[in-house]
Amino acid sequence: MKRISELLAYRDEKKQPYSQTYLKTVHNQLSAIFNHAVRHYDLRSNPAAKAGSMGDKDGGNISFWTKEEYQRFADEMMDKPVSYYAFEMLYWCGIREGELLALTPADFDFKAGTVKISKSYQRLHGEDVITTPKTKKSNRTIKMPPFLCEEMQDYLKMLYGLKKKDRIFTISKSYLHHEMDRGAKAAGVKRIRIHDLRHSHVSLLIDMGYSAVAIADRVGHESIEVTLRYAHLFPSKQTEMIERLEKERMVETNVS
């Protein structure tokens, strides 16, 4: 039997180690199955519980940029339009890297001010592959702020001979990572991952006071996932709740 350390060394289809959140989810589901067997099928004990937990439900600390940090970074990207507009979409819409790279002109409705997320891009075995999004919730239509609609219309005009179903960002993930390195260094901000721009978008929405339900609908998450994963970013909202509850109690007392 393989040791746990060997199992944890496995890589996914992209040759990357499984995330702490994924490992925690696998362990929880396996443990739930064994608990069911203990209760209903005379299994003597839960082997997953005996083996101990693995992974981290919080997935480690979430890194993100403040709006000010992102704007400093974006200023450094303006020398390369494809980079600038790609990062604008990632930050202001909170979309995933694969969702960005799958975008076509047909996905945009500038009259309605929306972009439709219905597919994801991958490069597999030297070929471009378009797949369905990560989850059912990932199929969504996102409202864009007017300034971003204007920017994307400007960008599309730059692309000569573009057809409705053509990808508008024909760049690689490694290109984006290289540009992230370049821009972060030039702007003097901490280096975060491309995916952390999604975290940055969520943190901005939390700071603006939007609920977990509203945020989840925008970024394609379950609301409980947003609540749990970003709980540490909600403390000010908890304080606001307590203050309002205190006021409600005082009003009730005064009426009585």
C-alpha atoms as a PDB file:
ATOM      1  CA  MET A   1       0.000   0.000   0.000  1.00  0.00           C
ATOM      2  CA  LYS A   2       1.317   3.398  -0.929  1.00  0.00           C
ATOM      3  CA  ARG A   3       2.099   5.807   1.842  1.00  0.00           C
ATOM      4  CA  ILE A   4       0.128   9.065   2.108  1.00  0.00           C
ATOM      5  CA  SER A   5       3.254  11.013   1.146  1.00  0.00           C
ATOM      6  CA  GLU A   6       3.365   9.103  -2.142  1.00  0.00           C
ATOM      7  CA  LEU A   7      -0.305   9.758  -2.806  1.00  0.00           C
ATOM      8  CA  LEU A   8       0.136  13.466  -2.156  1.00  0.00           C
ATOM      9  CA  ALA A   9       2.980  13.523  -4.697  1.00  0.00           C
ATOM     10  CA  TYR A  10       0.545  12.734  -7.521  1.00  0.00           C
ATOM     11  CA  ARG A  11       0.055  15.419 -10.156  1.00  0.00           C
ATOM     12  CA  ASP A  12      -3.076  16.431 -12.049  1.00  0.00           C
ATOM     13  CA  GLU A  13      -3.456  16.362 -15.837  1.00  0.00           C
ATOM     14  CA  LYS A  14      -1.467  19.602 -16.053  1.00  0.00           C
ATOM     15  CA  LYS A  15       1.410  18.042 -14.055  1.00  0.00           C
ATOM     16  CA  GLN A  16       0.640  20.327 -11.122  1.00  0.00           C
ATOM     17  CA  PRO A  17       0.296  19.137  -7.507  1.00  0.00           C
ATOM     18  CA  TYR A  18      -3.265  18.965  -6.238  1.00  0.00           C
ATOM     19  CA  SER A  19      -4.327  22.048  -4.283  1.00  0.00           C
ATOM     20  CA  GLN A  20      -4.786  21.932  -0.517  1.00  0.00           C
ATOM     21  CA  THR A  21      -8.466  22.769  -0.947  1.00  0.00           C
ATOM     22  CA  TYR A  22      -8.938  19.871  -3.393  1.00  0.00           C
ATOM     23  CA  LEU A  23      -7.178  17.416  -1.063  1.00  0.00           C
ATOM     24  CA  LYS A  24      -9.347  18.550   1.855  1.00  0.00           C
ATOM     25  CA  THR A  25     -12.487  18.067  -0.249  1.00  0.00           C
ATOM     26  CA  VAL A  26     -11.427  14.551  -1.300  1.00  0.00           C
ATOM     27  CA  HIS A  27     -10.719  13.561   2.296  1.00  0.00           C
ATOM     28  CA  ASN A  28     -14.034  14.961   3.544  1.00  0.00           C
ATOM     29  CA  GLN A  29     -16.019  13.121   0.884  1.00  0.00           C
ATOM     30  CA  LEU A  30     -14.176   9.854   1.491  1.00  0.00           C
ATOM     31  CA  SER A  31     -14.674  10.187   5.245  1.00  0.00           C
ATOM     32  CA  ALA A  32     -18.402  10.803   4.731  1.00  0.00           C
ATOM     33  CA  ILE A  33     -18.681   7.582   2.689  1.00  0.00           C
ATOM     34  CA  PHE A  34     -16.932   5.562   5.401  1.00  0.00           C
ATOM     35  CA  ASN A  35     -19.091   7.137   8.125  1.00  0.00           C
ATOM     36  CA  HIS A  36     -22.169   6.017   6.189  1.00  0.00           C
ATOM     37  CA  ALA A  37     -20.741   2.497   5.991  1.00  0.00           C
ATOM     38  CA  VAL A  38     -20.073   2.501   9.744  1.00  0.00           C
ATOM     39  CA  ARG A  39     -23.653   3.520  10.523  1.00  0.00           C
ATOM     40  CA  HIS A  40     -25.481   1.320   8.040  1.00  0.00           C
ATOM     41  CA  TYR A  41     -23.210  -1.510   6.806  1.00  0.00           C
ATOM     42  CA  ASP A  42     -21.346  -2.661   9.925  1.00  0.00           C
ATOM     43  CA  LEU A  43     -17.976  -1.233   8.998  1.00  0.00           C
ATOM     44  CA  ARG A  44     -16.080  -1.317  12.292  1.00  0.00           C
ATOM     45  CA  SER A  45     -14.438   2.098  11.992  1.00  0.00           C
ATOM     46  CA  ASN A  46     -13.701   4.964   9.615  1.00  0.00           C
ATOM     47  CA  PRO A  47     -10.221   4.407   8.073  1.00  0.00           C
ATOM     48  CA  ALA A  48     -10.130   7.967   6.694  1.00  0.00           C
ATOM     49  CA  ALA A  49     -10.558   9.320  10.228  1.00  0.00           C
ATOM     50  CA  LYS A  50      -7.835   6.986  11.525  1.00  0.00           C
ATOM     51  CA  ALA A  51      -5.434   8.038   8.769  1.00  0.00           C
ATOM     52  CA  GLY A  52      -5.901  11.675   9.681  1.00  0.00           C
ATOM     53  CA  SER A  53      -6.899  14.691   7.653  1.00  0.00           C
ATOM     54  CA  MET A  54      -5.075  16.016   4.629  1.00  0.00           C
ATOM     55  CA  GLY A  55      -5.221  19.310   2.838  1.00  0.00           C
ATOM     56  CA  ASP A  56      -6.405  22.655   4.107  1.00  0.00           C
ATOM     57  CA  LYS A  57      -9.981  23.892   3.749  1.00  0.00           C
ATOM     58  CA  ASP A  58      -8.682  27.457   3.495  1.00  0.00           C
ATOM     59  CA  GLY A  59      -6.173  26.548   0.805  1.00  0.00           C
ATOM     60  CA  GLY A  60      -3.524  28.693   2.470  1.00  0.00           C
ATOM     61  CA  ASN A  61      -3.520  32.468   2.535  1.00  0.00           C
ATOM     62  CA  ILE A  62      -5.200  34.240  -0.368  1.00  0.00           C
ATOM     63  CA  SER A  63      -3.009  36.827  -2.069  1.00  0.00           C
ATOM     64  CA  PHE A  64      -4.563  39.801  -3.796  1.00  0.00           C
ATOM     65  CA  TRP A  65      -3.898  43.350  -4.929  1.00  0.00           C
ATOM     66  CA  THR A  66      -5.725  46.379  -3.659  1.00  0.00           C
ATOM     67  CA  LYS A  67      -7.291  48.593  -6.319  1.00  0.00           C
ATOM     68  CA  GLU A  68      -4.385  51.025  -5.918  1.00  0.00           C
ATOM     69  CA  GLU A  69      -1.815  48.253  -6.443  1.00  0.00           C
ATOM     70  CA  TYR A  70      -3.621  47.005  -9.525  1.00  0.00           C
ATOM     71  CA  GLN A  71      -3.818  50.492 -11.030  1.00  0.00           C
ATOM     72  CA  ARG A  72      -0.076  50.956 -10.569  1.00  0.00           C
ATOM     73  CA  PHE A  73       0.465  47.621 -12.314  1.00  0.00           C
ATOM     74  CA  ALA A  74      -1.982  48.462 -15.126  1.00  0.00           C
ATOM     75  CA  ASP A  75      -0.149  51.709 -15.850  1.00  0.00           C
ATOM     76  CA  GLU A  76       2.973  49.650 -16.602  1.00  0.00           C
ATOM     77  CA  MET A  77       0.997  47.423 -19.012  1.00  0.00           C
ATOM     78  CA  MET A  78      -0.171  50.210 -21.288  1.00  0.00           C
ATOM     79  CA  ASP A  79       2.872  49.866 -23.550  1.00  0.00           C
ATOM     80  CA  LYS A  80       1.443  46.527 -24.793  1.00  0.00           C
ATOM     81  CA  PRO A  81      -2.285  46.783 -25.616  1.00  0.00           C
ATOM     82  CA  VAL A  82      -2.922  43.016 -25.626  1.00  0.00           C
ATOM     83  CA  SER A  83      -1.468  42.754 -22.119  1.00  0.00           C
ATOM     84  CA  TYR A  84      -3.270  45.820 -20.814  1.00  0.00           C
ATOM     85  CA  TYR A  85      -6.716  44.781 -22.065  1.00  0.00           C
ATOM     86  CA  ALA A  86      -6.251  41.169 -20.943  1.00  0.00           C
ATOM     87  CA  PHE A  87      -5.435  42.243 -17.394  1.00  0.00           C
ATOM     88  CA  GLU A  88      -8.299  44.746 -17.405  1.00  0.00           C
ATOM     89  CA  MET A  89     -10.740  41.914 -18.119  1.00  0.00           C
ATOM     90  CA  LEU A  90      -9.167  39.670 -15.483  1.00  0.00           C
ATOM     91  CA  TYR A  91      -9.238  42.298 -12.749  1.00  0.00           C
ATOM     92  CA  TRP A  92     -12.505  44.141 -13.387  1.00  0.00           C
ATOM     93  CA  CYS A  93     -14.568  41.048 -14.267  1.00  0.00           C
ATOM     94  CA  GLY A  94     -12.952  38.452 -11.993  1.00  0.00           C
ATOM     95  CA  ILE A  95     -12.862  35.841 -14.760  1.00  0.00           C
ATOM     96  CA  ARG A  96     -10.521  32.855 -14.866  1.00  0.00           C
ATOM     97  CA  GLU A  97      -7.449  32.728 -17.088  1.00  0.00           C
ATOM     98  CA  GLY A  98      -8.923  30.022 -19.331  1.00  0.00           C
ATOM     99  CA  GLU A  99     -12.193  31.971 -19.626  1.00  0.00           C
ATOM    100  CA  LEU A 100     -10.275  35.060 -20.727  1.00  0.00           C
ATOM    101  CA  LEU A 101      -8.312  33.217 -23.408  1.00  0.00           C
ATOM    102  CA  ALA A 102     -11.498  31.671 -24.851  1.00  0.00           C
ATOM    103  CA  LEU A 103     -13.274  35.017 -25.381  1.00  0.00           C
ATOM    104  CA  THR A 104     -14.510  35.933 -28.886  1.00  0.00           C
ATOM    105  CA  PRO A 105     -16.225  39.078 -30.229  1.00  0.00           C
ATOM    106  CA  ALA A 106     -19.522  37.137 -30.186  1.00  0.00           C
ATOM    107  CA  ASP A 107     -19.324  36.945 -26.388  1.00  0.00           C
ATOM    108  CA  PHE A 108     -19.689  40.719 -26.008  1.00  0.00           C
ATOM    109  CA  ASP A 109     -22.925  42.677 -26.077  1.00  0.00           C
ATOM    110  CA  PHE A 110     -21.850  46.283 -25.780  1.00  0.00           C
ATOM    111  CA  LYS A 111     -25.414  47.628 -25.916  1.00  0.00           C
ATOM    112  CA  ALA A 112     -26.263  45.607 -22.826  1.00  0.00           C
ATOM    113  CA  GLY A 113     -22.774  46.104 -21.401  1.00  0.00           C
ATOM    114  CA  THR A 114     -22.181  42.373 -20.880  1.00  0.00           C
ATOM    115  CA  VAL A 115     -19.731  39.582 -21.616  1.00  0.00           C
ATOM    116  CA  LYS A 116     -20.893  35.963 -21.762  1.00  0.00           C
ATOM    117  CA  ILE A 117     -18.707  33.295 -20.151  1.00  0.00           C
ATOM    118  CA  SER A 118     -19.544  29.932 -21.710  1.00  0.00           C
ATOM    119  CA  LYS A 119     -16.207  28.269 -22.499  1.00  0.00           C
ATOM    120  CA  SER A 120     -12.598  27.882 -21.399  1.00  0.00           C
ATOM    121  CA  TYR A 121      -9.294  27.628 -23.292  1.00  0.00           C
ATOM    122  CA  GLN A 122      -6.470  25.171 -22.739  1.00  0.00           C
ATOM    123  CA  ARG A 123      -3.334  24.239 -24.657  1.00  0.00           C
ATOM    124  CA  LEU A 124      -3.101  20.429 -24.623  1.00  0.00           C
ATOM    125  CA  HIS A 125      -0.485  18.367 -26.459  1.00  0.00           C
ATOM    126  CA  GLY A 126       0.402  21.310 -28.659  1.00  0.00           C
ATOM    127  CA  GLU A 127      -3.184  22.027 -29.700  1.00  0.00           C
ATOM    128  CA  ASP A 128      -5.728  24.705 -28.785  1.00  0.00           C
ATOM    129  CA  VAL A 129      -8.653  23.133 -26.941  1.00  0.00           C
ATOM    130  CA  ILE A 130     -11.915  24.888 -26.072  1.00  0.00           C
ATOM    131  CA  THR A 131     -13.910  23.214 -23.305  1.00  0.00           C
ATOM    132  CA  THR A 132     -16.956  23.955 -21.208  1.00  0.00           C
ATOM    133  CA  PRO A 133     -16.329  26.104 -18.120  1.00  0.00           C
ATOM    134  CA  LYS A 134     -15.142  24.663 -14.814  1.00  0.00           C
ATOM    135  CA  THR A 135     -18.603  24.270 -13.233  1.00  0.00           C
ATOM    136  CA  LYS A 136     -22.292  24.846 -14.046  1.00  0.00           C
ATOM    137  CA  LYS A 137     -22.159  28.109 -12.119  1.00  0.00           C
ATOM    138  CA  SER A 138     -19.292  29.193 -14.364  1.00  0.00           C
ATOM    139  CA  ASN A 139     -21.727  29.614 -17.276  1.00  0.00           C
ATOM    140  CA  ARG A 140     -22.741  33.206 -16.641  1.00  0.00           C
ATOM    141  CA  THR A 141     -23.217  36.650 -18.141  1.00  0.00           C
ATOM    142  CA  ILE A 142     -21.210  39.412 -16.494  1.00  0.00           C
ATOM    143  CA  LYS A 143     -22.072  43.092 -16.537  1.00  0.00           C
ATOM    144  CA  MET A 144     -19.098  45.290 -17.410  1.00  0.00           C
ATOM    145  CA  PRO A 145     -18.596  48.867 -16.232  1.00  0.00           C
ATOM    146  CA  PRO A 146     -18.962  51.432 -19.061  1.00  0.00           C
ATOM    147  CA  PHE A 147     -15.251  52.281 -19.091  1.00  0.00           C
ATOM    148  CA  LEU A 148     -14.397  48.618 -19.695  1.00  0.00           C
ATOM    149  CA  CYS A 149     -16.958  48.365 -22.517  1.00  0.00           C
ATOM    150  CA  GLU A 150     -15.258  51.340 -24.172  1.00  0.00           C
ATOM    151  CA  GLU A 151     -11.817  49.822 -23.684  1.00  0.00           C
ATOM    152  CA  MET A 152     -12.821  46.477 -25.169  1.00  0.00           C
ATOM    153  CA  GLN A 153     -14.465  48.131 -28.168  1.00  0.00           C
ATOM    154  CA  ASP A 154     -11.227  50.038 -28.752  1.00  0.00           C
ATOM    155  CA  TYR A 155      -9.253  46.802 -28.483  1.00  0.00           C
ATOM    156  CA  LEU A 156     -11.475  44.888 -30.917  1.00  0.00           C
ATOM    157  CA  LYS A 157     -11.036  47.678 -33.480  1.00  0.00           C
ATOM    158  CA  MET A 158      -7.280  47.065 -33.337  1.00  0.00           C
ATOM    159  CA  LEU A 159      -7.655  43.428 -34.433  1.00  0.00           C
ATOM    160  CA  TYR A 160      -7.613  43.372 -38.230  1.00  0.00           C
ATOM    161  CA  GLY A 161      -9.852  40.865 -40.017  1.00  0.00           C
ATOM    162  CA  LEU A 162     -11.343  39.569 -36.782  1.00  0.00           C
ATOM    163  CA  LYS A 163     -14.340  37.240 -37.125  1.00  0.00           C
ATOM    164  CA  LYS A 164     -17.147  36.825 -34.585  1.00  0.00           C
ATOM    165  CA  LYS A 165     -15.952  33.402 -33.409  1.00  0.00           C
ATOM    166  CA  ASP A 166     -12.200  34.180 -33.399  1.00  0.00           C
ATOM    167  CA  ARG A 167     -10.359  34.273 -30.091  1.00  0.00           C
ATOM    168  CA  ILE A 168      -9.437  37.850 -29.241  1.00  0.00           C
ATOM    169  CA  PHE A 169      -6.520  37.010 -26.934  1.00  0.00           C
ATOM    170  CA  THR A 170      -4.303  34.676 -28.970  1.00  0.00           C
ATOM    171  CA  ILE A 171      -1.627  34.669 -26.297  1.00  0.00           C
ATOM    172  CA  SER A 172      -0.409  31.898 -24.023  1.00  0.00           C
ATOM    173  CA  LYS A 173      -0.684  31.503 -20.276  1.00  0.00           C
ATOM    174  CA  SER A 174       3.104  31.668 -20.068  1.00  0.00           C
ATOM    175  CA  TYR A 175       2.963  35.051 -21.847  1.00  0.00           C
ATOM    176  CA  LEU A 176       0.567  36.365 -19.193  1.00  0.00           C
ATOM    177  CA  HIS A 177       2.808  35.046 -16.412  1.00  0.00           C
ATOM    178  CA  HIS A 178       5.847  36.744 -17.970  1.00  0.00           C
ATOM    179  CA  GLU A 179       3.917  40.005 -18.260  1.00  0.00           C
ATOM    180  CA  MET A 180       2.818  39.660 -14.637  1.00  0.00           C
ATOM    181  CA  ASP A 181       6.472  39.413 -13.636  1.00  0.00           C
ATOM    182  CA  ARG A 182       7.420  42.430 -15.739  1.00  0.00           C
ATOM    183  CA  GLY A 183       4.568  44.643 -14.600  1.00  0.00           C
ATOM    184  CA  ALA A 184       4.808  43.813 -10.902  1.00  0.00           C
ATOM    185  CA  LYS A 185       8.527  44.576 -10.887  1.00  0.00           C
ATOM    186  CA  ALA A 186       8.105  47.843 -12.791  1.00  0.00           C
ATOM    187  CA  ALA A 187       5.193  48.966 -10.584  1.00  0.00           C
ATOM    188  CA  GLY A 188       6.940  48.013  -7.355  1.00  0.00           C
ATOM    189  CA  VAL A 189       4.062  45.823  -6.154  1.00  0.00           C
ATOM    190  CA  LYS A 190       4.206  42.299  -4.759  1.00  0.00           C
ATOM    191  CA  ARG A 191       4.092  39.496  -7.334  1.00  0.00           C
ATOM    192  CA  ILE A 192       0.832  37.571  -7.223  1.00  0.00           C
ATOM    193  CA  ARG A 193      -0.448  34.743  -9.419  1.00  0.00           C
ATOM    194  CA  ILE A 194      -2.688  35.354 -12.427  1.00  0.00           C
ATOM    195  CA  HIS A 195      -5.508  33.594 -10.551  1.00  0.00           C
ATOM    196  CA  ASP A 196      -5.009  36.019  -7.673  1.00  0.00           C
ATOM    197  CA  LEU A 197      -6.454  38.769  -9.874  1.00  0.00           C
ATOM    198  CA  ARG A 198      -9.741  36.896  -9.424  1.00  0.00           C
ATOM    199  CA  HIS A 199      -9.212  37.024  -5.664  1.00  0.00           C
ATOM    200  CA  SER A 200      -8.455  40.734  -6.044  1.00  0.00           C
ATOM    201  CA  HIS A 201     -11.773  41.293  -7.813  1.00  0.00           C
ATOM    202  CA  VAL A 202     -13.675  39.446  -5.088  1.00  0.00           C
ATOM    203  CA  SER A 203     -11.869  41.355  -2.332  1.00  0.00           C
ATOM    204  CA  LEU A 204     -12.746  44.636  -4.066  1.00  0.00           C
ATOM    205  CA  LEU A 205     -16.439  43.679  -4.210  1.00  0.00           C
ATOM    206  CA  ILE A 206     -16.383  42.666  -0.539  1.00  0.00           C
ATOM    207  CA  ASP A 207     -14.813  46.009   0.339  1.00  0.00           C
ATOM    208  CA  MET A 208     -17.551  47.741  -1.669  1.00  0.00           C
ATOM    209  CA  GLY A 209     -20.123  46.035   0.554  1.00  0.00           C
ATOM    210  CA  TYR A 210     -21.628  43.413  -1.763  1.00  0.00           C
ATOM    211  CA  SER A 211     -23.010  40.178  -0.311  1.00  0.00           C
ATOM    212  CA  ALA A 212     -21.501  36.738  -0.809  1.00  0.00           C
ATOM    213  CA  VAL A 213     -24.557  35.753  -2.863  1.00  0.00           C
ATOM    214  CA  ALA A 214     -24.158  38.685  -5.273  1.00  0.00           C
ATOM    215  CA  ILE A 215     -20.412  38.108  -5.594  1.00  0.00           C
ATOM    216  CA  ALA A 216     -20.830  34.366  -6.171  1.00  0.00           C
ATOM    217  CA  ASP A 217     -23.277  35.013  -9.001  1.00  0.00           C
ATOM    218  CA  ARG A 218     -20.752  37.308 -10.694  1.00  0.00           C
ATOM    219  CA  VAL A 219     -17.673  35.102 -10.416  1.00  0.00           C
ATOM    220  CA  GLY A 220     -19.344  31.721 -10.870  1.00  0.00           C
ATOM    221  CA  HIS A 221     -18.967  30.353  -7.335  1.00  0.00           C
ATOM    222  CA  GLU A 222     -21.410  28.940  -4.834  1.00  0.00           C
ATOM    223  CA  SER A 223     -22.216  31.600  -2.223  1.00  0.00           C
ATOM    224  CA  ILE A 224     -21.107  29.331   0.624  1.00  0.00           C
ATOM    225  CA  GLU A 225     -17.733  28.921  -1.095  1.00  0.00           C
ATOM    226  CA  VAL A 226     -17.277  32.696  -1.189  1.00  0.00           C
ATOM    227  CA  THR A 227     -18.360  33.024   2.439  1.00  0.00           C
ATOM    228  CA  LEU A 228     -15.943  30.380   3.689  1.00  0.00           C
ATOM    229  CA  ARG A 229     -12.976  31.142   1.469  1.00  0.00           C
ATOM    230  CA  TYR A 230     -13.035  34.890   1.942  1.00  0.00           C
ATOM    231  CA  ALA A 231     -14.292  34.972   5.529  1.00  0.00           C
ATOM    232  CA  HIS A 232     -11.169  36.799   6.684  1.00  0.00           C
ATOM    233  CA  LEU A 233     -12.044  39.702   4.364  1.00  0.00           C
ATOM    234  CA  PHE A 234     -15.478  40.185   5.937  1.00  0.00           C
ATOM    235  CA  PRO A 235     -14.533  41.397   9.479  1.00  0.00           C
ATOM    236  CA  SER A 236     -15.630  44.971   8.803  1.00  0.00           C
ATOM    237  CA  LYS A 237     -18.996  43.645   7.647  1.00  0.00           C
ATOM    238  CA  GLN A 238     -19.308  41.647  10.865  1.00  0.00           C
ATOM    239  CA  THR A 239     -18.637  44.824  12.855  1.00  0.00           C
ATOM    240  CA  GLU A 240     -21.243  46.661  10.797  1.00  0.00           C
ATOM    241  CA  MET A 241     -23.753  43.869  11.504  1.00  0.00           C
ATOM    242  CA  ILE A 242     -23.138  44.100  15.253  1.00  0.00           C
ATOM    243  CA  GLU A 243     -23.516  47.865  15.250  1.00  0.00           C
ATOM    244  CA  ARG A 244     -26.838  47.623  13.412  1.00  0.00           C
ATOM    245  CA  LEU A 245     -28.070  44.826  15.689  1.00  0.00           C
ATOM    246  CA  GLU A 246     -27.213  46.991  18.683  1.00  0.00           C
ATOM    247  CA  LYS A 247     -29.201  49.869  17.202  1.00  0.00           C
ATOM    248  CA  GLU A 248     -32.178  47.584  16.508  1.00  0.00           C
ATOM    249  CA  ARG A 249     -32.119  46.358  20.109  1.00  0.00           C
ATOM    250  CA  MET A 250     -31.980  49.904  21.455  1.00  0.00           C
ATOM    251  CA  VAL A 251     -34.925  50.925  19.275  1.00  0.00           C
ATOM    252  CA  GLU A 252     -36.951  47.975  20.597  1.00  0.00           C
ATOM    253  CA  THR A 253     -36.046  48.865  24.206  1.00  0.00           C
ATOM    254  CA  ASN A 254     -37.026  52.522  23.766  1.00  0.00           C
ATOM    255  CA  VAL A 255     -40.368  51.538  22.210  1.00  0.00           C
ATOM    256  CA  SER A 256     -41.114  49.206  25.135  1.00  0.00           C
END
